[in-house]
Protein backbone atom coordinates (compact mmCIF):
# COMPACT_ATOMS: atom_id res chain seq x y z
CA MET A 1 0.27 -0.08 -0.11
CA ARG A 2 2.80 2.43 1.11
CA SER A 3 4.88 1.61 -2.40
CA GLN A 4 1.39 2.55 -4.38
CA SER A 5 1.18 5.73 -2.65
CA LEU A 6 4.76 6.85 -3.19
CA LEU A 7 4.22 5.67 -6.95
CA ILE A 8 1.04 8.00 -6.98
CA ILE A 9 2.87 11.16 -5.36
CA ARG A 10 5.84 10.28 -7.98
CA LEU A 11 3.52 10.56 -10.85
CA ILE A 12 1.62 13.69 -9.53
CA LEU A 13 5.12 15.69 -9.21
CA LEU A 14 5.99 14.49 -12.61
CA ALA A 15 2.88 15.68 -14.01
CA ALA A 16 3.31 19.13 -11.97
CA PHE A 17 7.09 19.02 -13.24
CA VAL A 18 6.12 18.89 -17.14
CA GLY A 19 3.32 21.37 -16.69
CA PHE A 20 6.11 23.86 -14.86
CA GLY A 21 8.49 23.20 -17.56
CA VAL A 22 5.94 23.86 -20.56
CA GLY A 23 4.45 26.61 -18.96
CA LEU A 24 8.17 28.51 -17.96
CA THR A 25 9.18 27.77 -21.90
CA LEU A 26 5.87 29.45 -23.03
CA PHE A 27 6.46 32.30 -20.49
CA ARG A 28 10.04 32.88 -21.76
CA LEU A 29 9.20 32.87 -25.00
CA GLY A 30 6.42 35.69 -24.15
CA ALA A 31 3.35 33.56 -25.13
CA ILE A 32 1.48 33.31 -21.65
CA GLY A 33 1.92 35.04 -18.35
CA GLY A 34 3.03 34.07 -14.90
CA GLY A 35 -0.28 33.36 -13.96
CA ASP A 36 -0.95 30.92 -16.87
CA VAL A 37 2.30 29.00 -15.60
CA LYS A 38 0.79 28.28 -12.59
CA LEU A 39 -2.20 27.24 -13.56
CA ILE A 40 -0.93 24.80 -16.24
CA THR A 41 1.47 23.41 -13.11
CA ALA A 42 -1.63 23.00 -10.90
CA LEU A 43 -3.69 21.44 -13.84
CA GLY A 44 -0.85 18.88 -14.49
CA ALA A 45 -0.77 18.02 -10.57
CA LEU A 46 -4.60 17.43 -10.72
CA LEU A 47 -4.96 15.67 -13.88
CA GLY A 48 -2.16 13.40 -14.38
CA LEU A 49 0.19 13.55 -16.98
CA SER A 50 -2.28 11.98 -20.09
CA ARG A 51 -5.43 13.98 -19.01
CA TRP A 52 -3.06 17.25 -18.88
CA ALA A 53 -1.92 16.59 -22.29
CA LEU A 54 -5.51 15.89 -23.64
CA ALA A 55 -6.64 19.10 -21.57
CA MET A 56 -3.90 21.29 -22.99
CA GLU A 57 -4.75 19.92 -26.53
CA VAL A 58 -8.18 20.84 -26.18
CA ALA A 59 -7.00 24.27 -25.10
CA VAL A 60 -4.77 25.33 -27.89
CA ILE A 61 -7.37 23.93 -30.65
CA ALA A 62 -10.14 26.40 -28.78
CA ALA A 63 -7.82 29.22 -28.56
CA GLY A 64 -7.16 28.70 -32.32
CA ALA A 65 -10.66 28.40 -33.33
CA ILE A 66 -11.51 31.63 -31.07
CA ALA A 67 -8.78 33.34 -32.71
CA LEU A 68 -10.17 32.48 -36.37
CA VAL A 69 -13.43 33.75 -35.56
CA GLN A 70 -12.35 37.17 -34.17
CA ILE A 71 -10.14 37.77 -37.17
CA ILE A 72 -13.04 37.02 -39.37
CA LYS A 73 -15.40 38.92 -37.20
CA ARG A 74 -13.11 41.80 -37.44
CA LYS A 75 -12.48 41.43 -41.03
CA VAL A 76 -8.83 41.61 -40.70
CA VAL A 77 -8.25 38.30 -42.50
CA ARG A 78 -5.93 39.92 -45.24
CA GLN A 79 -3.78 41.58 -42.73
CA THR A 80 -3.41 38.66 -40.67
CA PHE A 81 -1.91 36.72 -43.30
CA ARG A 82 0.33 39.69 -44.38
CA ASN A 83 1.70 39.55 -40.54
CA LEU A 84 2.45 35.85 -40.79
CA GLY A 85 4.41 36.20 -44.17
């Protein structure tokens, strides 16, 4: 029983460290703020590594969809593509 508890704690810590590493990398790139790093780290600890990865994938897809809707709504599609080039 004790070894199973230690394994769970290690997996939680691993997921939190991975979350922190990803969050810190994105923070250093200027893509997210410090609060986002804390949120990503906490989600890693709460969800575990596999569920955390799924949650991050869903969040990225949702953010991309919202960005596309805003680009179309504001009628800045051409300007956006020029900015990307």
